[in-house]
Structure formats: C-alpha cells, structure tokens
PDB file of N, CA and C in Angstrom:
ATOM      1  N   UNK A   1      71.422 105.072  84.013  1.00  0.00           N
ATOM      2  CA  UNK A   1      71.511 103.607  84.298  1.00  0.00           C
ATOM      3  C   UNK A   1      70.347 103.707  85.187  1.00  0.00           C
ATOM      4  N   UNK A   2      69.742 102.607  84.707  1.00  0.00           N
ATOM      5  CA  UNK A   2      68.677 101.859  85.321  1.00  0.00           C
ATOM      6  C   UNK A   2      68.988 101.694  87.133  1.00  0.00           C
ATOM      7  N   UNK A   3      68.157 101.642  88.009  1.00  0.00           N
ATOM      8  CA  UNK A   3      68.370 102.103  89.132  1.00  0.00           C
ATOM      9  C   UNK A   3      68.601 100.765  89.586  1.00  0.00           C
ATOM     10  N   UNK A   4      67.852  99.497  89.040  1.00  0.00           N
ATOM     11  CA  UNK A   4      68.517  97.755  89.301  1.00  0.00           C
ATOM     12  C   UNK A   4      68.864  97.449  88.252  1.00  0.00           C
ATOM     13  N   UNK A   5      69.999  96.416  88.332  1.00  0.00           N
ATOM     14  CA  UNK A   5      70.770  95.703  87.735  1.00  0.00           C
ATOM     15  C   UNK A   5      70.120  94.700  86.935  1.00  0.00           C
ATOM     16  N   UNK A   6      68.828  94.245  87.271  1.00  0.00           N
ATOM     17  CA  UNK A   6      68.255  93.640  86.895  1.00  0.00           C
ATOM     18  C   UNK A   6      66.685  93.718  86.969  1.00  0.00           C
ATOM     19  N   UNK A   7      65.880  93.116  85.693  1.00  0.00           N
ATOM     20  CA  UNK A   7      64.187  93.814  85.752  1.00  0.00           C
ATOM     21  C   UNK A   7      63.640  93.580  86.997  1.00  0.00           C
ATOM     22  N   UNK A   8      63.529  94.669  87.331  1.00  0.00           N
ATOM     23  CA  UNK A   8      62.395  94.848  88.676  1.00  0.00           C
ATOM     24  C   UNK A   8      61.532  95.518  88.069  1.00  0.00           C
ATOM     25  N   UNK A   9      60.043  95.015  88.691  1.00  0.00           N
ATOM     26  CA  UNK A   9      59.221  95.960  88.929  1.00  0.00           C
ATOM     27  C   UNK A   9      59.259  97.108  89.497  1.00  0.00           C
ATOM     28  N   UNK A  10      58.095  98.421  89.640  1.00  0.00           N
ATOM     29  CA  UNK A  10      57.998  99.647  90.018  1.00  0.00           C
ATOM     30  C   UNK A  10      57.520  99.134  91.375  1.00  0.00           C
ATOM     31  N   UNK A  11      58.243 100.191  92.887  1.00  0.00           N
ATOM     32  CA  UNK A  11      57.242  99.474  93.955  1.00  0.00           C
ATOM     33  C   UNK A  11      57.009 101.157  94.426  1.00  0.00           C
ATOM     34  N   UNK A  12      56.137 100.801  95.833  1.00  0.00           N
ATOM     35  CA  UNK A  12      55.926 102.288  96.417  1.00  0.00           C
ATOM     36  C   UNK A  12      56.108 101.624  97.682  1.00  0.00           C
ATOM     37  N   UNK A  13      56.627 102.355  99.170  1.00  0.00           N
ATOM     38  CA  UNK A  13      56.465 101.707 100.381  1.00  0.00           C
ATOM     39  C   UNK A  13      54.543 102.121 100.317  1.00  0.00           C
ATOM     40  N   UNK A  14      53.754 101.658 101.488  1.00  0.00           N
ATOM     41  CA  UNK A  14      52.381 101.820 101.848  1.00  0.00           C
ATOM     42  C   UNK A  14      52.299 103.181 102.412  1.00  0.00           C
ATOM     43  N   UNK A  15      51.485 103.730 102.622  1.00  0.00           N
ATOM     44  CA  UNK A  15      50.859 105.009 103.139  1.00  0.00           C
ATOM     45  C   UNK A  15      50.992 105.175 104.663  1.00  0.00           C
ATOM     46  N   UNK A  16      51.738 104.270 105.288  1.00  0.00           N
ATOM     47  CA  UNK A  16      52.172 105.304 106.584  1.00  0.00           C
ATOM     48  C   UNK A  16      53.466 104.618 107.221  1.00  0.00           C
ATOM     49  N   UNK A  17      54.513 104.481 105.856  1.00  0.00           N
ATOM     50  CA  UNK A  17      55.440 104.364 106.155  1.00  0.00           C
ATOM     51  C   UNK A  17      56.109 105.737 107.131  1.00  0.00           C
ATOM     52  N   UNK A  18      57.345 104.699 107.505  1.00  0.00           N
ATOM     53  CA  UNK A  18      57.802 106.224 108.521  1.00  0.00           C
ATOM     54  C   UNK A  18      58.694 107.231 107.274  1.00  0.00           C
ATOM     55  N   UNK A  19      58.866 106.902 106.172  1.00  0.00           N
ATOM     56  CA  UNK A  19      59.255 107.223 104.756  1.00  0.00           C
ATOM     57  C   UNK A  19      59.308 106.936 103.702  1.00  0.00           C
ATOM     58  N   UNK A  20      57.850 107.759 103.511  1.00  0.00           N
ATOM     59  CA  UNK A  20      57.679 107.475 101.892  1.00  0.00           C
ATOM     60  C   UNK A  20      58.764 107.079 101.081  1.00  0.00           C
ATOM     61  N   UNK A  21      58.641 106.209 100.113  1.00  0.00           N
ATOM     62  CA  UNK A  21      59.825 106.081  98.950  1.00  0.00           C
ATOM     63  C   UNK A  21      58.732 105.273  98.009  1.00  0.00           C
ATOM     64  N   UNK A  22      59.259 105.081  96.848  1.00  0.00           N
ATOM     65  CA  UNK A  22      59.014 104.759  95.425  1.00  0.00           C
ATOM     66  C   UNK A  22      60.245 104.523  94.324  1.00  0.00           C
ATOM     67  N   UNK A  23      60.107 103.793  94.009  1.00  0.00           N
ATOM     68  CA  UNK A  23      61.094 103.695  92.964  1.00  0.00           C
ATOM     69  C   UNK A  23      59.987 102.862  91.377  1.00  0.00           C
ATOM     70  N   UNK A  24      60.882 103.605  90.404  1.00  0.00           N
ATOM     71  CA  UNK A  24      60.002 103.659  89.139  1.00  0.00           C
ATOM     72  C   UNK A  24      59.984 101.730  88.156  1.00  0.00           C
ATOM     73  N   UNK A  25      59.688 101.273  87.433  1.00  0.00           N
ATOM     74  CA  UNK A  25      59.929  99.809  87.027  1.00  0.00           C
ATOM     75  C   UNK A  25      61.580 100.255  86.475  1.00  0.00           C
ATOM     76  N   UNK A  26      62.295  98.991  86.725  1.00  0.00           N
ATOM     77  CA  UNK A  26      63.859  98.986  86.545  1.00  0.00           C
ATOM     78  C   UNK A  26      64.185  97.488  84.981  1.00  0.00           C
ATOM     79  N   UNK A  27      64.687  98.679  83.717  1.00  0.00           N
ATOM     80  CA  UNK A  27      64.234  97.235  82.979  1.00  0.00           C
ATOM     81  C   UNK A  27      65.493  96.335  83.221  1.00  0.00           C
ATOM     82  N   UNK A  28      66.383  97.202  83.677  1.00  0.00           N
ATOM     83  CA  UNK A  28      67.981  96.083  84.251  1.00  0.00           C
ATOM     84  C   UNK A  28      68.965  97.115  83.597  1.00  0.00           C
ATOM     85  N   UNK A  29      69.868  96.765  83.460  1.00  0.00           N
ATOM     86  CA  UNK A  29      71.031  96.967  82.576  1.00  0.00           C
ATOM     87  C   UNK A  29      71.578  96.203  81.527  1.00  0.00           C
ATOM     88  N   UNK A  30      71.349  97.060  80.393  1.00  0.00           N
ATOM     89  CA  UNK A  30      72.025  96.190  78.910  1.00  0.00           C
ATOM     90  C   UNK A  30      73.552  95.697  79.816  1.00  0.00           C
ATOM     91  N   UNK A  31      73.768  94.618  78.499  1.00  0.00           N
ATOM     92  CA  UNK A  31      74.729  93.716  78.913  1.00  0.00           C
ATOM     93  C   UNK A  31      76.074  94.719  78.653  1.00  0.00           C
ATOM     94  N   UNK A  32      76.283  95.821  77.631  1.00  0.00           N
ATOM     95  CA  UNK A  32      77.663  96.565  77.714  1.00  0.00           C
ATOM     96  C   UNK A  32      77.523  97.334  78.727  1.00  0.00           C
ATOM     97  N   UNK A  33      76.409  98.188  79.679  1.00  0.00           N
ATOM     98  CA  UNK A  33      77.067  98.788  81.119  1.00  0.00           C
ATOM     99  C   UNK A  33      77.178  97.653  82.225  1.00  0.00           C
ATOM    100  N   UNK A  34      76.055  96.364  82.373  1.00  0.00           N
ATOM    101  CA  UNK A  34      76.497  95.429  83.370  1.00  0.00           C
ATOM    102  C   UNK A  34      78.534  94.818  83.286  1.00  0.00           C
ATOM    103  N   UNK A  35      78.983  94.730  82.468  1.00  0.00           N
ATOM    104  CA  UNK A  35      80.031  94.697  81.585  1.00  0.00           C
ATOM    105  C   UNK A  35      81.188  95.151  82.341  1.00  0.00           C
ATOM    106  N   UNK A  36      80.857  96.929  81.832  1.00  0.00           N
ATOM    107  CA  UNK A  36      81.825  97.854  82.374  1.00  0.00           C
ATOM    108  C   UNK A  36      81.394  97.909  83.844  1.00  0.00           C
ATOM    109  N   UNK A  37      80.322  98.023  84.662  1.00  0.00           N
ATOM    110  CA  UNK A  37      80.440  98.190  85.740  1.00  0.00           C
ATOM    111  C   UNK A  37      81.413  96.852  86.151  1.00  0.00           C
ATOM    112  N   UNK A  38      81.617  95.755  86.154  1.00  0.00           N
ATOM    113  CA  UNK A  38      82.289  94.119  86.149  1.00  0.00           C
ATOM    114  C   UNK A  38      83.615  94.884  86.282  1.00  0.00           C
ATOM    115  N   UNK A  39      83.537  95.786  85.207  1.00  0.00           N
ATOM    116  CA  UNK A  39      85.119  95.581  85.420  1.00  0.00           C
ATOM    117  C   UNK A  39      85.989  96.373  86.245  1.00  0.00           C
ATOM    118  N   UNK A  40      84.578  97.934  86.415  1.00  0.00           N
ATOM    119  CA  UNK A  40      85.313  98.879  86.782  1.00  0.00           C
ATOM    120  C   UNK A  40      84.951  98.254  88.280  1.00  0.00           C
ATOM    121  N   UNK A  41      84.271  97.845  89.089  1.00  0.00           N
ATOM    122  CA  UNK A  41      83.864  97.058  90.324  1.00  0.00           C
ATOM    123  C   UNK A  41      85.736  96.068  90.210  1.00  0.00           C
ATOM    124  N   UNK A  42      85.411  95.732  89.792  1.00  0.00           N
ATOM    125  CA  UNK A  42      87.023  94.847  89.567  1.00  0.00           C
ATOM    126  C   UNK A  42      88.298  95.415  89.550  1.00  0.00           C
ATOM    127  N   UNK A  43      88.336  96.047  88.964  1.00  0.00           N
ATOM    128  CA  UNK A  43      89.677  97.090  89.147  1.00  0.00           C
ATOM    129  C   UNK A  43      89.431  98.019  90.222  1.00  0.00           C
ATOM    130  N   UNK A  44      88.520  98.440  90.944  1.00  0.00           N
ATOM    131  CA  UNK A  44      88.284  99.022  92.264  1.00  0.00           C
ATOM    132  C   UNK A  44      89.043  98.260  93.267  1.00  0.00           C
ATOM    133  N   UNK A  45      88.453  96.266  93.796  1.00  0.00           N
ATOM    134  CA  UNK A  45      88.768  95.502  94.293  1.00  0.00           C
ATOM    135  C   UNK A  45      90.345  95.186  94.275  1.00  0.00           C
ATOM    136  N   UNK A  46      90.737  95.648  92.704  1.00  0.00           N
ATOM    137  CA  UNK A  46      92.943  95.563  92.486  1.00  0.00           C
ATOM    138  C   UNK A  46      93.403  96.516  93.285  1.00  0.00           C
ATOM    139  N   UNK A  47      92.907  97.623  93.031  1.00  0.00           N
ATOM    140  CA  UNK A  47      93.684  99.083  93.908  1.00  0.00           C
ATOM    141  C   UNK A  47      93.365  98.609  94.998  1.00  0.00           C
ATOM    142  N   UNK A  48      92.232  98.270  95.701  1.00  0.00           N
ATOM    143  CA  UNK A  48      92.052  98.626  97.052  1.00  0.00           C
ATOM    144  C   UNK A  48      92.898  97.624  97.644  1.00  0.00           C
ATOM    145  N   UNK A  49      93.116  96.266  96.782  1.00  0.00           N
ATOM    146  CA  UNK A  49      94.155  95.134  97.715  1.00  0.00           C
ATOM    147  C   UNK A  49      95.134  95.678  97.355  1.00  0.00           C
ATOM    148  N   UNK A  50      96.045  96.725  96.538  1.00  0.00           N
ATOM    149  CA  UNK A  50      96.925  97.305  96.537  1.00  0.00           C
ATOM    150  C   UNK A  50      97.122  97.911  97.358  1.00  0.00           C
ATOM    151  N   UNK A  51      96.388  99.192  97.295  1.00  0.00           N
ATOM    152  CA  UNK A  51      96.707  99.910  98.803  1.00  0.00           C
ATOM    153  C   UNK A  51      96.972  99.350  99.537  1.00  0.00           C
ATOM    154  N   UNK A  52      95.755  98.652 100.524  1.00  0.00           N
ATOM    155  CA  UNK A  52      96.094  97.814 101.796  1.00  0.00           C
ATOM    156  C   UNK A  52      97.425  97.383 101.470  1.00  0.00           C
ATOM    157  N   UNK A  53      97.800  96.418 101.072  1.00  0.00           N
ATOM    158  CA  UNK A  53      99.114  95.294 101.243  1.00  0.00           C
ATOM    159  C   UNK A  53      99.847  95.764 100.657  1.00  0.00           C
ATOM    160  N   UNK A  54     100.014  97.103 100.480  1.00  0.00           N
ATOM    161  CA  UNK A  54     101.017  97.844  99.957  1.00  0.00           C
ATOM    162  C   UNK A  54     102.604  97.740 101.314  1.00  0.00           C
ATOM    163  N   UNK A  55     103.503  97.221 100.939  1.00  0.00           N
ATOM    164  CA  UNK A  55     104.567  96.838 101.728  1.00  0.00           C
ATOM    165  C   UNK A  55     104.566  98.436 102.521  1.00  0.00           C
ATOM    166  N   UNK A  56     104.532  99.629 102.065  1.00  0.00           N
ATOM    167  CA  UNK A  56     104.617 100.803 102.429  1.00  0.00           C
ATOM    168  C   UNK A  56     104.030 101.183 104.229  1.00  0.00           C
ATOM    169  N   UNK A  57     103.190 100.127 104.409  1.00  0.00           N
ATOM    170  CA  UNK A  57     102.254  99.948 105.708  1.00  0.00           C
ATOM    171  C   UNK A  57     103.181  99.286 106.848  1.00  0.00           C
ATOM    172  N   UNK A  58     103.698  98.823 105.920  1.00  0.00           N
ATOM    173  CA  UNK A  58     105.099  97.995 107.319  1.00  0.00           C
ATOM    174  C   UNK A  58     105.899  99.061 108.120  1.00  0.00           C
ATOM    175  N   UNK A  59     105.936  99.743 107.474  1.00  0.00           N
ATOM    176  CA  UNK A  59     106.631 100.941 108.367  1.00  0.00           C
ATOM    177  C   UNK A  59     106.191 101.444 109.833  1.00  0.00           C
ATOM    178  N   UNK A  60     105.113 101.238 109.835  1.00  0.00           N
ATOM    179  CA  UNK A  60     104.418 101.949 110.902  1.00  0.00           C
ATOM    180  C   UNK A  60     103.893 100.170 112.025  1.00  0.00           C
ATOM    181  N   UNK A  61     104.013 101.088 112.326  1.00  0.00           N
ATOM    182  CA  UNK A  61     103.604  99.927 114.129  1.00  0.00           C
ATOM    183  C   UNK A  61     102.015  99.630 113.624  1.00  0.00           C
ATOM    184  N   UNK A  62     101.544  98.705 114.262  1.00  0.00           N
ATOM    185  CA  UNK A  62     100.067  97.841 114.067  1.00  0.00           C
ATOM    186  C   UNK A  62      98.889  99.021 114.384  1.00  0.00           C
ATOM    187  N   UNK A  63      99.497 100.092 115.485  1.00  0.00           N
ATOM    188  CA  UNK A  63      98.278 100.639 116.220  1.00  0.00           C
ATOM    189  C   UNK A  63      98.260 102.013 115.510  1.00  0.00           C
ATOM    190  N   UNK A  64      99.193 102.398 114.816  1.00  0.00           N
ATOM    191  CA  UNK A  64      99.637 103.311 113.876  1.00  0.00           C
ATOM    192  C   UNK A  64      99.067 103.702 112.539  1.00  0.00           C
ATOM    193  N   UNK A  65      98.923 102.443 112.544  1.00  0.00           N
ATOM    194  CA  UNK A  65      98.205 102.029 110.575  1.00  0.00           C
ATOM    195  C   UNK A  65      97.411 102.956 109.955  1.00  0.00           C
ATOM    196  N   UNK A  66      96.431 103.175 111.539  1.00  0.00           N
ATOM    197  CA  UNK A  66      94.943 103.966 111.014  1.00  0.00           C
ATOM    198  C   UNK A  66      95.319 105.379 111.142  1.00  0.00           C
ATOM    199  N   UNK A  67      96.314 105.439 111.818  1.00  0.00           N
ATOM    200  CA  UNK A  67      96.249 107.345 111.630  1.00  0.00           C
ATOM    201  C   UNK A  67      97.162 107.542 110.771  1.00  0.00           C
ATOM    202  N   UNK A  68      98.236 106.685 109.928  1.00  0.00           N
ATOM    203  CA  UNK A  68      98.504 107.058 108.595  1.00  0.00           C
ATOM    204  C   UNK A  68      97.670 107.176 107.920  1.00  0.00           C
ATOM    205  N   UNK A  69      97.059 106.252 107.496  1.00  0.00           N
ATOM    206  CA  UNK A  69      95.850 106.066 106.035  1.00  0.00           C
ATOM    207  C   UNK A  69      94.914 107.632 106.011  1.00  0.00           C
ATOM    208  N   UNK A  70      94.895 107.684 107.442  1.00  0.00           N
ATOM    209  CA  UNK A  70      93.485 108.581 107.399  1.00  0.00           C
ATOM    210  C   UNK A  70      94.396 110.344 107.015  1.00  0.00           C
ATOM    211  N   UNK A  71      95.656 110.335 107.656  1.00  0.00           N
ATOM    212  CA  UNK A  71      96.582 110.732 107.363  1.00  0.00           C
ATOM    213  C   UNK A  71      97.039 111.392 105.942  1.00  0.00           C
ATOM    214  N   UNK A  72      97.146 110.039 104.817  1.00  0.00           N
ATOM    215  CA  UNK A  72      97.198 109.858 103.440  1.00  0.00           C
ATOM    216  C   UNK A  72      96.140 110.138 102.882  1.00  0.00           C
ATOM    217  N   UNK A  73      94.701 109.937 103.390  1.00  0.00           N
ATOM    218  CA  UNK A  73      93.176 110.128 103.071  1.00  0.00           C
ATOM    219  C   UNK A  73      92.783 111.414 102.753  1.00  0.00           C
ATOM    220  N   UNK A  74      93.691 112.407 104.131  1.00  0.00           N
ATOM    221  CA  UNK A  74      93.280 113.456 103.587  1.00  0.00           C
ATOM    222  C   UNK A  74      94.925 114.660 103.522  1.00  0.00           C
ATOM    223  N   UNK A  75      95.581 113.909 102.932  1.00  0.00           N
ATOM    224  CA  UNK A  75      96.830 114.855 102.311  1.00  0.00           C
ATOM    225  C   UNK A  75      96.607 115.508 101.629  1.00  0.00           C
ATOM    226  N   UNK A  76      95.165 115.757 100.605  1.00  0.00           N
ATOM    227  CA  UNK A  76      94.859 116.239  99.845  1.00  0.00           C
ATOM    228  C   UNK A  76      94.676 117.992 100.336  1.00  0.00           C
ATOM    229  N   UNK A  77      93.684 117.620 100.917  1.00  0.00           N
ATOM    230  CA  UNK A  77      93.183 118.644 101.684  1.00  0.00           C
ATOM    231  C   UNK A  77      94.383 119.886 102.437  1.00  0.00           C
ATOM    232  N   UNK A  78      95.226 118.864 103.019  1.00  0.00           N
ATOM    233  CA  UNK A  78      96.043 119.763 103.957  1.00  0.00           C
ATOM    234  C   UNK A  78      96.952 120.676 102.308  1.00  0.00           C
ATOM    235  N   UNK A  79      96.979 120.029 101.273  1.00  0.00           N
ATOM    236  CA  UNK A  79      97.740 120.426 100.146  1.00  0.00           C
ATOM    237  C   UNK A  79      96.988 121.794  99.891  1.00  0.00           C
ATOM    238  N   UNK A  80      96.024 121.607  99.393  1.00  0.00           N
ATOM    239  CA  UNK A  80      95.116 123.067  98.645  1.00  0.00           C
ATOM    240  C   UNK A  80      95.359 123.753 100.014  1.00  0.00           C
ATOM    241  N   UNK A  81      95.203 123.310 101.249  1.00  0.00           N
ATOM    242  CA  UNK A  81      95.261 124.803 102.458  1.00  0.00           C
ATOM    243  C   UNK A  81      96.433 125.406 102.152  1.00  0.00           C
ATOM    244  N   UNK A  82      97.628 124.166 102.007  1.00  0.00           N
ATOM    245  CA  UNK A  82      98.550 125.371 102.124  1.00  0.00           C
ATOM    246  C   UNK A  82      98.650 126.101 101.031  1.00  0.00           C
ATOM    247  N   UNK A  83      98.330 125.908  99.629  1.00  0.00           N
ATOM    248  CA  UNK A  83      98.163 126.489  98.230  1.00  0.00           C
ATOM    249  C   UNK A  83      97.608 127.738  98.674  1.00  0.00           C
ATOM    250  N   UNK A  84      97.026 127.732  99.151  1.00  0.00           N
ATOM    251  CA  UNK A  84      95.886 129.188  99.540  1.00  0.00           C
ATOM    252  C   UNK A  84      96.521 130.087 100.460  1.00  0.00           C
ATOM    253  N   UNK A  85      96.686 129.690 101.095  1.00  0.00           N
ATOM    254  CA  UNK A  85      97.741 130.622 101.990  1.00  0.00           C
ATOM    255  C   UNK A  85      98.776 131.236 101.879  1.00  0.00           C
TER     256      UNK A  85
END
C-alpha cells in the first residue's frame, strides 16, 4: 500500500532537522484498496462500539471498569503462561 491514501509528492526534511526523514511520492490508493480500508475501519468501529457498550460492563462499578478491561486485554497472556507451566 502506498503511504498516502491521496496522491502526494515526495518530501524530505531540511538538513538541520532534529530527526531527518523522507517519503517517496505516493500515487495514492487504488479504489479497491480504499474501499477495503474503509470497510475494515467501519468494522473496527462497529466492533469497538459493541465491546465498549456491552452489558457485561454494567456488572462493574464505574471505578472498576478500567481494571476489568485491562484484565480482559491481558487475559490471553495469563492463559499462555498457565499453559506453559
């Protein structure tokens, strides 16, 4: 995939830049790729909304939701550790 969705010229930071960087010219995404990226981003938003608004979270006090989400996020790590021991 080109680095830019839209066609853009190449660029380069000036010689005294703190962190020199550059990018080649980008032809932009072709319509099929742009459509697929849009579809995937829409699906990501849909799933994120479903997770954040799921009734499961109502089982927790507001102050405990963050800790519960963090535990869920790292659940697979604990499973892998348990399986290897």
